[in-house]
Amino acid sequence: QVQLVESGGGLVQPGGSLRLSCAASGFSFSSYGMRWYRQAPGKERELVAHISNTGGFTNYVDSVKGRFTISRDNGKNTVYLQMNSLKPEDTAVYFCKVFSLNYWGQGTQVTVSS
């Protein structure tokens, strides 16, 4: 049974950092690219970051370039999103997704506020 479980969200002040984790199980994790999406209240879900199955390629939405880093540990079946220099506009529910497959995590809330 495919399962994606996000964790690491919370409340942080502007300029702070969070590290999100997505623990995967039930499929061949190392065979698939992984993605982080986010959805803020009243807005559509947007792609934040992508990482290839090997971790050799990454891509980011312009608004987070230079601040966020996606990585993965195939030995632990986990993908990460390191979020630095957080801004209030980063506030959203963050979701993990398997690239090319319709598997999503439950989401973890990130709130950036003073």
PDB file of N, CA and C in Angstrom:
ATOM      1  N   GLN A   1       0.843  -1.177   0.000  1.00  0.00           N
ATOM      2  CA  GLN A   1       0.000   0.000   0.000  1.00  0.00           C
ATOM      3  C   GLN A   1       0.889   1.241   0.000  1.00  0.00           C
ATOM      4  N   VAL A   2       0.692   2.091  -1.005  1.00  0.00           N
ATOM      5  CA  VAL A   2       1.495   3.295  -1.120  1.00  0.00           C
ATOM      6  C   VAL A   2       1.128   4.260  -0.002  1.00  0.00           C
ATOM      7  N   GLN A   3       2.151   4.811   0.636  1.00  0.00           N
ATOM      8  CA  GLN A   3       1.925   5.765   1.709  1.00  0.00           C
ATOM      9  C   GLN A   3       2.998   6.834   1.677  1.00  0.00           C
ATOM     10  N   LEU A   4       2.575   8.087   1.810  1.00  0.00           N
ATOM     11  CA  LEU A   4       3.465   9.231   1.915  1.00  0.00           C
ATOM     12  C   LEU A   4       3.053  10.017   3.144  1.00  0.00           C
ATOM     13  N   VAL A   5       3.981  10.228   4.058  1.00  0.00           N
ATOM     14  CA  VAL A   5       3.673  10.898   5.310  1.00  0.00           C
ATOM     15  C   VAL A   5       4.614  12.070   5.500  1.00  0.00           C
ATOM     16  N   GLU A   6       4.063  13.286   5.420  1.00  0.00           N
ATOM     17  CA  GLU A   6       4.849  14.502   5.621  1.00  0.00           C
ATOM     18  C   GLU A   6       4.937  14.838   7.107  1.00  0.00           C
ATOM     19  N   SER A   7       6.031  15.476   7.473  1.00  0.00           N
ATOM     20  CA  SER A   7       6.206  15.944   8.834  1.00  0.00           C
ATOM     21  C   SER A   7       7.171  17.127   8.830  1.00  0.00           C
ATOM     22  N   GLY A   8       7.249  17.827   9.943  1.00  0.00           N
ATOM     23  CA  GLY A   8       8.207  18.906  10.102  1.00  0.00           C
ATOM     24  C   GLY A   8       7.635  20.303   9.999  1.00  0.00           C
ATOM     25  N   GLY A   9       6.367  20.424   9.672  1.00  0.00           N
ATOM     26  CA  GLY A   9       5.752  21.734   9.598  1.00  0.00           C
ATOM     27  C   GLY A   9       5.557  22.338  10.971  1.00  0.00           C
ATOM     28  N   GLY A  10       5.180  23.611  10.983  1.00  0.00           N
ATOM     29  CA  GLY A  10       4.954  24.301  12.235  1.00  0.00           C
ATOM     30  C   GLY A  10       4.906  25.791  12.043  1.00  0.00           C
ATOM     31  N   LEU A  11       4.967  26.506  13.152  1.00  0.00           N
ATOM     32  CA  LEU A  11       4.952  27.963  13.168  1.00  0.00           C
ATOM     33  C   LEU A  11       6.372  28.482  13.302  1.00  0.00           C
ATOM     34  N   VAL A  12       6.748  29.404  12.423  1.00  0.00           N
ATOM     35  CA  VAL A  12       8.088  29.973  12.441  1.00  0.00           C
ATOM     36  C   VAL A  12       8.004  31.460  12.107  1.00  0.00           C
ATOM     37  N   GLN A  13       8.937  32.237  12.649  1.00  0.00           N
ATOM     38  CA  GLN A  13       8.980  33.661  12.362  1.00  0.00           C
ATOM     39  C   GLN A  13       9.612  33.934  11.006  1.00  0.00           C
ATOM     40  N   PRO A  14       9.277  35.059  10.379  1.00  0.00           N
ATOM     41  CA  PRO A  14       9.937  35.413   9.123  1.00  0.00           C
ATOM     42  C   PRO A  14      11.450  35.384   9.273  1.00  0.00           C
ATOM     43  N   GLY A  15      12.120  34.830   8.266  1.00  0.00           N
ATOM     44  CA  GLY A  15      13.558  34.668   8.312  1.00  0.00           C
ATOM     45  C   GLY A  15      14.017  33.360   8.912  1.00  0.00           C
ATOM     46  N   GLY A  16      13.105  32.618   9.500  1.00  0.00           N
ATOM     47  CA  GLY A  16      13.440  31.357  10.117  1.00  0.00           C
ATOM     48  C   GLY A  16      13.516  30.214   9.124  1.00  0.00           C
ATOM     49  N   SER A  17      13.742  29.012   9.661  1.00  0.00           N
ATOM     50  CA  SER A  17      13.926  27.825   8.835  1.00  0.00           C
ATOM     51  C   SER A  17      13.090  26.663   9.338  1.00  0.00           C
ATOM     52  N   LEU A  18      12.721  25.791   8.421  1.00  0.00           N
ATOM     53  CA  LEU A  18      12.073  24.528   8.725  1.00  0.00           C
ATOM     54  C   LEU A  18      12.602  23.477   7.765  1.00  0.00           C
ATOM     55  N   ARG A  19      12.602  22.239   8.219  1.00  0.00           N
ATOM     56  CA  ARG A  19      12.963  21.114   7.366  1.00  0.00           C
ATOM     57  C   ARG A  19      11.799  20.142   7.330  1.00  0.00           C
ATOM     58  N   LEU A  20      11.191  19.999   6.162  1.00  0.00           N
ATOM     59  CA  LEU A  20      10.095  19.062   5.978  1.00  0.00           C
ATOM     60  C   LEU A  20      10.625  17.706   5.540  1.00  0.00           C
ATOM     61  N   SER A  21       9.958  16.662   5.992  1.00  0.00           N
ATOM     62  CA  SER A  21      10.299  15.307   5.597  1.00  0.00           C
ATOM     63  C   SER A  21       9.070  14.623   5.025  1.00  0.00           C
ATOM     64  N   CYS A  22       9.287  13.728   4.083  1.00  0.00           N
ATOM     65  CA  CYS A  22       8.228  12.898   3.523  1.00  0.00           C
ATOM     66  C   CYS A  22       8.726  11.466   3.509  1.00  0.00           C
ATOM     67  N   ALA A  23       8.148  10.646   4.364  1.00  0.00           N
ATOM     68  CA  ALA A  23       8.511   9.241   4.452  1.00  0.00           C
ATOM     69  C   ALA A  23       7.618   8.429   3.521  1.00  0.00           C
ATOM     70  N   ALA A  24       8.231   7.675   2.620  1.00  0.00           N
ATOM     71  CA  ALA A  24       7.504   6.931   1.599  1.00  0.00           C
ATOM     72  C   ALA A  24       7.604   5.428   1.835  1.00  0.00           C
ATOM     73  N   SER A  25       6.547   4.724   1.448  1.00  0.00           N
ATOM     74  CA  SER A  25       6.545   3.268   1.538  1.00  0.00           C
ATOM     75  C   SER A  25       5.541   2.699   0.548  1.00  0.00           C
ATOM     76  N   GLY A  26       5.681   1.430   0.225  1.00  0.00           N
ATOM     77  CA  GLY A  26       4.723   0.740  -0.624  1.00  0.00           C
ATOM     78  C   GLY A  26       5.005   0.786  -2.112  1.00  0.00           C
ATOM     79  N   PHE A  27       6.130   1.348  -2.507  1.00  0.00           N
ATOM     80  CA  PHE A  27       6.510   1.382  -3.921  1.00  0.00           C
ATOM     81  C   PHE A  27       8.019   1.493  -4.023  1.00  0.00           C
ATOM     82  N   SER A  28       8.524   1.380  -5.241  1.00  0.00           N
ATOM     83  CA  SER A  28       9.963   1.438  -5.468  1.00  0.00           C
ATOM     84  C   SER A  28      10.410   2.890  -5.466  1.00  0.00           C
ATOM     85  N   PHE A  29      10.720   3.388  -4.283  1.00  0.00           N
ATOM     86  CA  PHE A  29      10.995   4.809  -4.084  1.00  0.00           C
ATOM     87  C   PHE A  29      12.107   5.322  -4.993  1.00  0.00           C
ATOM     88  N   SER A  30      13.181   4.575  -5.115  1.00  0.00           N
ATOM     89  CA  SER A  30      14.339   5.034  -5.872  1.00  0.00           C
ATOM     90  C   SER A  30      14.097   5.067  -7.377  1.00  0.00           C
ATOM     91  N   SER A  31      12.964   4.538  -7.851  1.00  0.00           N
ATOM     92  CA  SER A  31      12.650   4.531  -9.272  1.00  0.00           C
ATOM     93  C   SER A  31      11.898   5.773  -9.730  1.00  0.00           C
ATOM     94  N   TYR A  32      11.489   6.617  -8.788  1.00  0.00           N
ATOM     95  CA  TYR A  32      10.617   7.742  -9.121  1.00  0.00           C
ATOM     96  C   TYR A  32      11.162   9.069  -8.635  1.00  0.00           C
ATOM     97  N   GLY A  33      10.949  10.082  -9.477  1.00  0.00           N
ATOM     98  CA  GLY A  33      11.161  11.430  -9.004  1.00  0.00           C
ATOM     99  C   GLY A  33      10.120  11.780  -7.951  1.00  0.00           C
ATOM    100  N   MET A  34      10.407  12.806  -7.174  1.00  0.00           N
ATOM    101  CA  MET A  34       9.498  13.240  -6.120  1.00  0.00           C
ATOM    102  C   MET A  34       9.307  14.748  -6.206  1.00  0.00           C
ATOM    103  N   ARG A  35       8.162  15.200  -5.704  1.00  0.00           N
ATOM    104  CA  ARG A  35       7.834  16.615  -5.759  1.00  0.00           C
ATOM    105  C   ARG A  35       7.249  17.102  -4.448  1.00  0.00           C
ATOM    106  N   TRP A  36       7.493  18.375  -4.174  1.00  0.00           N
ATOM    107  CA  TRP A  36       6.801  19.102  -3.123  1.00  0.00           C
ATOM    108  C   TRP A  36       5.886  20.137  -3.770  1.00  0.00           C
ATOM    109  N   TYR A  37       4.642  20.164  -3.329  1.00  0.00           N
ATOM    110  CA  TYR A  37       3.664  21.173  -3.692  1.00  0.00           C
ATOM    111  C   TYR A  37       3.239  21.928  -2.436  1.00  0.00           C
ATOM    112  N   ARG A  38       2.594  23.056  -2.649  1.00  0.00           N
ATOM    113  CA  ARG A  38       1.997  23.768  -1.530  1.00  0.00           C
ATOM    114  C   ARG A  38       0.687  24.409  -1.965  1.00  0.00           C
ATOM    115  N   GLN A  39      -0.177  24.614  -1.001  1.00  0.00           N
ATOM    116  CA  GLN A  39      -1.458  25.249  -1.257  1.00  0.00           C
ATOM    117  C   GLN A  39      -1.790  26.187  -0.108  1.00  0.00           C
ATOM    118  N   ALA A  40      -1.906  27.470  -0.431  1.00  0.00           N
ATOM    119  CA  ALA A  40      -2.283  28.480   0.533  1.00  0.00           C
ATOM    120  C   ALA A  40      -3.793  28.682   0.487  1.00  0.00           C
ATOM    121  N   PRO A  41      -4.386  29.205   1.570  1.00  0.00           N
ATOM    122  CA  PRO A  41      -5.834  29.434   1.577  1.00  0.00           C
ATOM    123  C   PRO A  41      -6.279  30.300   0.409  1.00  0.00           C
ATOM    124  N   GLY A  42      -7.302  29.852  -0.309  1.00  0.00           N
ATOM    125  CA  GLY A  42      -7.837  30.606  -1.418  1.00  0.00           C
ATOM    126  C   GLY A  42      -7.023  30.558  -2.694  1.00  0.00           C
ATOM    127  N   LYS A  43      -5.949  29.789  -2.712  1.00  0.00           N
ATOM    128  CA  LYS A  43      -5.094  29.700  -3.886  1.00  0.00           C
ATOM    129  C   LYS A  43      -5.006  28.260  -4.367  1.00  0.00           C
ATOM    130  N   GLU A  44      -4.659  28.102  -5.630  1.00  0.00           N
ATOM    131  CA  GLU A  44      -4.500  26.775  -6.188  1.00  0.00           C
ATOM    132  C   GLU A  44      -3.169  26.165  -5.763  1.00  0.00           C
ATOM    133  N   ARG A  45      -3.132  24.854  -5.779  1.00  0.00           N
ATOM    134  CA  ARG A  45      -1.905  24.149  -5.439  1.00  0.00           C
ATOM    135  C   ARG A  45      -0.826  24.437  -6.483  1.00  0.00           C
ATOM    136  N   GLU A  46       0.396  24.693  -6.019  1.00  0.00           N
ATOM    137  CA  GLU A  46       1.484  24.986  -6.929  1.00  0.00           C
ATOM    138  C   GLU A  46       2.672  24.073  -6.663  1.00  0.00           C
ATOM    139  N   LEU A  47       3.380  23.756  -7.727  1.00  0.00           N
ATOM    140  CA  LEU A  47       4.599  22.966  -7.615  1.00  0.00           C
ATOM    141  C   LEU A  47       5.706  23.835  -7.046  1.00  0.00           C
ATOM    142  N   VAL A  48       6.360  23.347  -5.999  1.00  0.00           N
ATOM    143  CA  VAL A  48       7.429  24.078  -5.343  1.00  0.00           C
ATOM    144  C   VAL A  48       8.799  23.579  -5.762  1.00  0.00           C
ATOM    145  N   ALA A  49       8.987  22.263  -5.748  1.00  0.00           N
ATOM    146  CA  ALA A  49      10.300  21.690  -6.027  1.00  0.00           C
ATOM    147  C   ALA A  49      10.169  20.287  -6.581  1.00  0.00           C
ATOM    148  N   HIS A  50      11.142  19.915  -7.393  1.00  0.00           N
ATOM    149  CA  HIS A  50      11.186  18.591  -8.006  1.00  0.00           C
ATOM    150  C   HIS A  50      12.587  18.025  -7.854  1.00  0.00           C
ATOM    151  N   ILE A  51      12.661  16.713  -7.664  1.00  0.00           N
ATOM    152  CA  ILE A  51      13.950  16.035  -7.622  1.00  0.00           C
ATOM    153  C   ILE A  51      13.840  14.734  -8.399  1.00  0.00           C
ATOM    154  N   SER A  52      14.841  14.433  -9.202  1.00  0.00           N
ATOM    155  CA  SER A  52      14.848  13.212  -9.987  1.00  0.00           C
ATOM    156  C   SER A  52      15.037  11.998  -9.089  1.00  0.00           C
ATOM    157  N   ASN A  53      14.836  10.823  -9.665  1.00  0.00           N
ATOM    158  CA  ASN A  53      14.896   9.605  -8.854  1.00  0.00           C
ATOM    159  C   ASN A  53      16.253   9.390  -8.191  1.00  0.00           C
ATOM    160  N   THR A  54      17.315   9.798  -8.865  1.00  0.00           N
ATOM    161  CA  THR A  54      18.660   9.647  -8.318  1.00  0.00           C
ATOM    162  C   THR A  54      19.091  10.825  -7.454  1.00  0.00           C
ATOM    163  N   GLY A  55      18.348  11.914  -7.524  1.00  0.00           N
ATOM    164  CA  GLY A  55      18.750  13.128  -6.848  1.00  0.00           C
ATOM    165  C   GLY A  55      19.681  13.997  -7.662  1.00  0.00           C
ATOM    166  N   GLY A  56      19.979  13.598  -8.894  1.00  0.00           N
ATOM    167  CA  GLY A  56      20.927  14.318  -9.720  1.00  0.00           C
ATOM    168  C   GLY A  56      20.386  15.565 -10.381  1.00  0.00           C
ATOM    169  N   PHE A  57      19.093  15.734 -10.384  1.00  0.00           N
ATOM    170  CA  PHE A  57      18.455  16.903 -10.989  1.00  0.00           C
ATOM    171  C   PHE A  57      17.433  17.457 -10.031  1.00  0.00           C
ATOM    172  N   THR A  58      17.441  18.769  -9.865  1.00  0.00           N
ATOM    173  CA  THR A  58      16.437  19.455  -9.062  1.00  0.00           C
ATOM    174  C   THR A  58      15.939  20.683  -9.795  1.00  0.00           C
ATOM    175  N   ASN A  59      14.716  21.107  -9.456  1.00  0.00           N
ATOM    176  CA  ASN A  59      14.143  22.300 -10.033  1.00  0.00           C
ATOM    177  C   ASN A  59      13.210  22.932  -9.008  1.00  0.00           C
ATOM    178  N   TYR A  60      13.062  24.262  -9.090  1.00  0.00           N
ATOM    179  CA  TYR A  60      12.293  25.005  -8.107  1.00  0.00           C
ATOM    180  C   TYR A  60      11.467  26.091  -8.768  1.00  0.00           C
ATOM    181  N   VAL A  61      10.341  26.403  -8.157  1.00  0.00           N
ATOM    182  CA  VAL A  61       9.594  27.573  -8.578  1.00  0.00           C
ATOM    183  C   VAL A  61      10.430  28.817  -8.247  1.00  0.00           C
ATOM    184  N   ASP A  62      10.315  29.854  -9.081  1.00  0.00           N
ATOM    185  CA  ASP A  62      11.170  31.024  -8.937  1.00  0.00           C
ATOM    186  C   ASP A  62      11.105  31.644  -7.545  1.00  0.00           C
ATOM    187  N   SER A  63       9.947  31.626  -6.931  1.00  0.00           N
ATOM    188  CA  SER A  63       9.761  32.309  -5.662  1.00  0.00           C
ATOM    189  C   SER A  63      10.545  31.692  -4.504  1.00  0.00           C
ATOM    190  N   VAL A  64      11.038  30.468  -4.664  1.00  0.00           N
ATOM    191  CA  VAL A  64      11.783  29.826  -3.584  1.00  0.00           C
ATOM    192  C   VAL A  64      13.230  29.545  -3.948  1.00  0.00           C
ATOM    193  N   LYS A  65      13.640  29.859  -5.155  1.00  0.00           N
ATOM    194  CA  LYS A  65      15.015  29.608  -5.571  1.00  0.00           C
ATOM    195  C   LYS A  65      15.996  30.353  -4.679  1.00  0.00           C
ATOM    196  N   GLY A  66      17.025  29.654  -4.252  1.00  0.00           N
ATOM    197  CA  GLY A  66      18.013  30.228  -3.368  1.00  0.00           C
ATOM    198  C   GLY A  66      17.659  30.130  -1.903  1.00  0.00           C
ATOM    199  N   ARG A  67      16.415  29.772  -1.594  1.00  0.00           N
ATOM    200  CA  ARG A  67      15.974  29.661  -0.202  1.00  0.00           C
ATOM    201  C   ARG A  67      15.634  28.226   0.193  1.00  0.00           C
ATOM    202  N   PHE A  68      15.063  27.469  -0.734  1.00  0.00           N
ATOM    203  CA  PHE A  68      14.643  26.092  -0.462  1.00  0.00           C
ATOM    204  C   PHE A  68      15.584  25.116  -1.156  1.00  0.00           C
ATOM    205  N   THR A  69      15.770  23.957  -0.540  1.00  0.00           N
ATOM    206  CA  THR A  69      16.570  22.894  -1.126  1.00  0.00           C
ATOM    207  C   THR A  69      15.843  21.565  -0.970  1.00  0.00           C
ATOM    208  N   ILE A  70      15.590  20.891  -2.085  1.00  0.00           N
ATOM    209  CA  ILE A  70      14.993  19.564  -2.044  1.00  0.00           C
ATOM    210  C   ILE A  70      16.111  18.528  -2.111  1.00  0.00           C
ATOM    211  N   SER A  71      15.972  17.465  -1.346  1.00  0.00           N
ATOM    212  CA  SER A  71      16.954  16.395  -1.346  1.00  0.00           C
ATOM    213  C   SER A  71      16.249  15.084  -1.047  1.00  0.00           C
ATOM    214  N   ARG A  72      16.963  13.983  -1.220  1.00  0.00           N
ATOM    215  CA  ARG A  72      16.367  12.688  -0.914  1.00  0.00           C
ATOM    216  C   ARG A  72      17.426  11.725  -0.420  1.00  0.00           C
ATOM    217  N   ASP A  73      16.974  10.764   0.369  1.00  0.00           N
ATOM    218  CA  ASP A  73      17.816   9.687   0.850  1.00  0.00           C
ATOM    219  C   ASP A  73      17.117   8.398   0.453  1.00  0.00           C
ATOM    220  N   ASN A  74      17.572   7.799  -0.636  1.00  0.00           N
ATOM    221  CA  ASN A  74      16.899   6.597  -1.140  1.00  0.00           C
ATOM    222  C   ASN A  74      17.052   5.411  -0.195  1.00  0.00           C
ATOM    223  N   GLY A  75      18.093   5.413   0.609  1.00  0.00           N
ATOM    224  CA  GLY A  75      18.256   4.357   1.598  1.00  0.00           C
ATOM    225  C   GLY A  75      17.223   4.428   2.705  1.00  0.00           C
ATOM    226  N   LYS A  76      16.699   5.627   2.960  1.00  0.00           N
ATOM    227  CA  LYS A  76      15.676   5.831   3.979  1.00  0.00           C
ATOM    228  C   LYS A  76      14.291   6.048   3.394  1.00  0.00           C
ATOM    229  N   ASN A  77      14.171   5.999   2.068  1.00  0.00           N
ATOM    230  CA  ASN A  77      12.891   6.236   1.388  1.00  0.00           C
ATOM    231  C   ASN A  77      12.253   7.546   1.841  1.00  0.00           C
ATOM    232  N   THR A  78      13.060   8.588   1.878  1.00  0.00           N
ATOM    233  CA  THR A  78      12.598   9.866   2.389  1.00  0.00           C
ATOM    234  C   THR A  78      13.062  11.000   1.488  1.00  0.00           C
ATOM    235  N   VAL A  79      12.167  11.952   1.246  1.00  0.00           N
ATOM    236  CA  VAL A  79      12.501  13.177   0.540  1.00  0.00           C
ATOM    237  C   VAL A  79      12.338  14.338   1.513  1.00  0.00           C
ATOM    238  N   TYR A  80      13.211  15.339   1.392  1.00  0.00           N
ATOM    239  CA  TYR A  80      13.245  16.456   2.312  1.00  0.00           C
ATOM    240  C   TYR A  80      13.059  17.775   1.568  1.00  0.00           C
ATOM    241  N   LEU A  81      12.600  18.769   2.299  1.00  0.00           N
ATOM    242  CA  LEU A  81      12.574  20.134   1.799  1.00  0.00           C
ATOM    243  C   LEU A  81      13.115  21.036   2.891  1.00  0.00           C
ATOM    244  N   GLN A  82      14.341  21.516   2.700  1.00  0.00           N
ATOM    245  CA  GLN A  82      14.937  22.469   3.621  1.00  0.00           C
ATOM    246  C   GLN A  82      14.484  23.859   3.222  1.00  0.00           C
ATOM    247  N   MET A  83      13.853  24.563   4.138  1.00  0.00           N
ATOM    248  CA  MET A  83      13.252  25.856   3.868  1.00  0.00           C
ATOM    249  C   MET A  83      13.941  26.903   4.737  1.00  0.00           C
ATOM    250  N   ASN A  84      14.686  27.801   4.111  1.00  0.00           N
ATOM    251  CA  ASN A  84      15.394  28.860   4.808  1.00  0.00           C
ATOM    252  C   ASN A  84      14.839  30.225   4.415  1.00  0.00           C
ATOM    253  N   SER A  85      15.157  31.228   5.219  1.00  0.00           N
ATOM    254  CA  SER A  85      14.731  32.603   4.953  1.00  0.00           C
ATOM    255  C   SER A  85      13.245  32.676   4.651  1.00  0.00           C
ATOM    256  N   LEU A  86      12.464  32.040   5.489  1.00  0.00           N
ATOM    257  CA  LEU A  86      11.035  31.922   5.238  1.00  0.00           C
ATOM    258  C   LEU A  86      10.335  33.273   5.284  1.00  0.00           C
ATOM    259  N   LYS A  87       9.336  33.412   4.427  1.00  0.00           N
ATOM    260  CA  LYS A  87       8.546  34.622   4.298  1.00  0.00           C
ATOM    261  C   LYS A  87       7.082  34.312   4.600  1.00  0.00           C
ATOM    262  N   PRO A  88       6.302  35.309   5.005  1.00  0.00           N
ATOM    263  CA  PRO A  88       4.880  35.065   5.254  1.00  0.00           C
ATOM    264  C   PRO A  88       4.165  34.449   4.054  1.00  0.00           C
ATOM    265  N   GLU A  89       4.565  34.798   2.849  1.00  0.00           N
ATOM    266  CA  GLU A  89       3.926  34.246   1.667  1.00  0.00           C
ATOM    267  C   GLU A  89       4.245  32.773   1.437  1.00  0.00           C
ATOM    268  N   ASP A  90       5.152  32.203   2.221  1.00  0.00           N
ATOM    269  CA  ASP A  90       5.402  30.770   2.173  1.00  0.00           C
ATOM    270  C   ASP A  90       4.381  29.979   2.974  1.00  0.00           C
ATOM    271  N   THR A  91       3.533  30.664   3.721  1.00  0.00           N
ATOM    272  CA  THR A  91       2.524  29.995   4.525  1.00  0.00           C
ATOM    273  C   THR A  91       1.591  29.181   3.636  1.00  0.00           C
ATOM    274  N   ALA A  92       1.476  27.896   3.921  1.00  0.00           N
ATOM    275  CA  ALA A  92       0.668  26.997   3.109  1.00  0.00           C
ATOM    276  C   ALA A  92       0.714  25.607   3.724  1.00  0.00           C
ATOM    277  N   VAL A  93      -0.138  24.735   3.208  1.00  0.00           N
ATOM    278  CA  VAL A  93      -0.009  23.313   3.476  1.00  0.00           C
ATOM    279  C   VAL A  93       0.912  22.735   2.413  1.00  0.00           C
ATOM    280  N   TYR A  94       1.940  22.032   2.841  1.00  0.00           N
ATOM    281  CA  TYR A  94       2.920  21.457   1.934  1.00  0.00           C
ATOM    282  C   TYR A  94       2.667  19.971   1.762  1.00  0.00           C
ATOM    283  N   PHE A  95       2.635  19.536   0.504  1.00  0.00           N
ATOM    284  CA  PHE A  95       2.316  18.160   0.147  1.00  0.00           C
ATOM    285  C   PHE A  95       3.477  17.509  -0.592  1.00  0.00           C
ATOM    286  N   CYS A  96       3.692  16.266  -0.306  1.00  0.00           N
ATOM    287  CA  CYS A  96       4.637  15.427  -1.018  1.00  0.00           C
ATOM    288  C   CYS A  96       3.895  14.635  -2.094  1.00  0.00           C
ATOM    289  N   LYS A  97       4.517  14.453  -3.260  1.00  0.00           N
ATOM    290  CA  LYS A  97       3.884  13.705  -4.340  1.00  0.00           C
ATOM    291  C   LYS A  97       4.912  12.901  -5.109  1.00  0.00           C
ATOM    292  N   VAL A  98       4.512  11.720  -5.546  1.00  0.00           N
ATOM    293  CA  VAL A  98       5.345  10.918  -6.427  1.00  0.00           C
ATOM    294  C   VAL A  98       5.193  11.455  -7.847  1.00  0.00           C
ATOM    295  N   PHE A  99       6.321  11.790  -8.487  1.00  0.00           N
ATOM    296  CA  PHE A  99       6.282  12.264  -9.859  1.00  0.00           C
ATOM    297  C   PHE A  99       5.751  11.170 -10.774  1.00  0.00           C
ATOM    298  N   SER A 100       4.816  11.555 -11.655  1.00  0.00           N
ATOM    299  CA  SER A 100       4.212  10.695 -12.676  1.00  0.00           C
ATOM    300  C   SER A 100       3.178   9.707 -12.135  1.00  0.00           C
ATOM    301  N   LEU A 101       2.973   9.677 -10.831  1.00  0.00           N
ATOM    302  CA  LEU A 101       1.963   8.827 -10.216  1.00  0.00           C
ATOM    303  C   LEU A 101       1.025   9.675  -9.353  1.00  0.00           C
ATOM    304  N   ASN A 102      -0.202   9.228  -9.209  1.00  0.00           N
ATOM    305  CA  ASN A 102      -1.201   9.977  -8.460  1.00  0.00           C
ATOM    306  C   ASN A 102      -1.209   9.590  -6.988  1.00  0.00           C
ATOM    307  N   TYR A 103      -0.044   9.717  -6.364  1.00  0.00           N
ATOM    308  CA  TYR A 103       0.092   9.434  -4.947  1.00  0.00           C
ATOM    309  C   TYR A 103       0.511  10.701  -4.227  1.00  0.00           C
ATOM    310  N   TRP A 104      -0.262  11.095  -3.232  1.00  0.00           N
ATOM    311  CA  TRP A 104      -0.051  12.309  -2.455  1.00  0.00           C
ATOM    312  C   TRP A 104       0.018  11.997  -0.973  1.00  0.00           C
ATOM    313  N   GLY A 105       0.767  12.813  -0.260  1.00  0.00           N
ATOM    314  CA  GLY A 105       0.739  12.752   1.184  1.00  0.00           C
ATOM    315  C   GLY A 105      -0.439  13.540   1.728  1.00  0.00           C
ATOM    316  N   GLN A 106      -0.568  13.553   3.045  1.00  0.00           N
ATOM    317  CA  GLN A 106      -1.696  14.231   3.692  1.00  0.00           C
ATOM    318  C   GLN A 106      -1.453  15.719   3.892  1.00  0.00           C
ATOM    319  N   GLY A 107      -0.223  16.147   3.781  1.00  0.00           N
ATOM    320  CA  GLY A 107       0.129  17.539   3.932  1.00  0.00           C
ATOM    321  C   GLY A 107       0.576  17.883   5.333  1.00  0.00           C
ATOM    322  N   THR A 108       1.438  18.901   5.427  1.00  0.00           N
ATOM    323  CA  THR A 108       1.879  19.428   6.708  1.00  0.00           C
ATOM    324  C   THR A 108       1.817  20.954   6.647  1.00  0.00           C
ATOM    325  N   GLN A 109       1.285  21.555   7.695  1.00  0.00           N
ATOM    326  CA  GLN A 109       1.056  22.995   7.720  1.00  0.00           C
ATOM    327  C   GLN A 109       2.332  23.750   8.053  1.00  0.00           C
ATOM    328  N   VAL A 110       2.643  24.750   7.242  1.00  0.00           N
ATOM    329  CA  VAL A 110       3.736  25.674   7.502  1.00  0.00           C
ATOM    330  C   VAL A 110       3.144  27.067   7.636  1.00  0.00           C
ATOM    331  N   THR A 111       3.384  27.696   8.772  1.00  0.00           N
ATOM    332  CA  THR A 111       2.889  29.043   9.019  1.00  0.00           C
ATOM    333  C   THR A 111       4.061  29.945   9.355  1.00  0.00           C
ATOM    334  N   VAL A 112       4.227  31.014   8.583  1.00  0.00           N
ATOM    335  CA  VAL A 112       5.310  31.975   8.783  1.00  0.00           C
ATOM    336  C   VAL A 112       4.670  33.284   9.214  1.00  0.00           C
ATOM    337  N   SER A 113       4.881  33.653  10.462  1.00  0.00           N
ATOM    338  CA  SER A 113       4.218  34.826  11.019  1.00  0.00           C
ATOM    339  C   SER A 113       4.997  35.356  12.207  1.00  0.00           C
ATOM    340  N   SER A 114       4.962  36.672  12.379  1.00  0.00           N
ATOM    341  CA  SER A 114       5.565  37.305  13.538  1.00  0.00           C
ATOM    342  C   SER A 114       4.561  37.511  14.654  1.00  0.00           C
TER     343      SER A 114
END
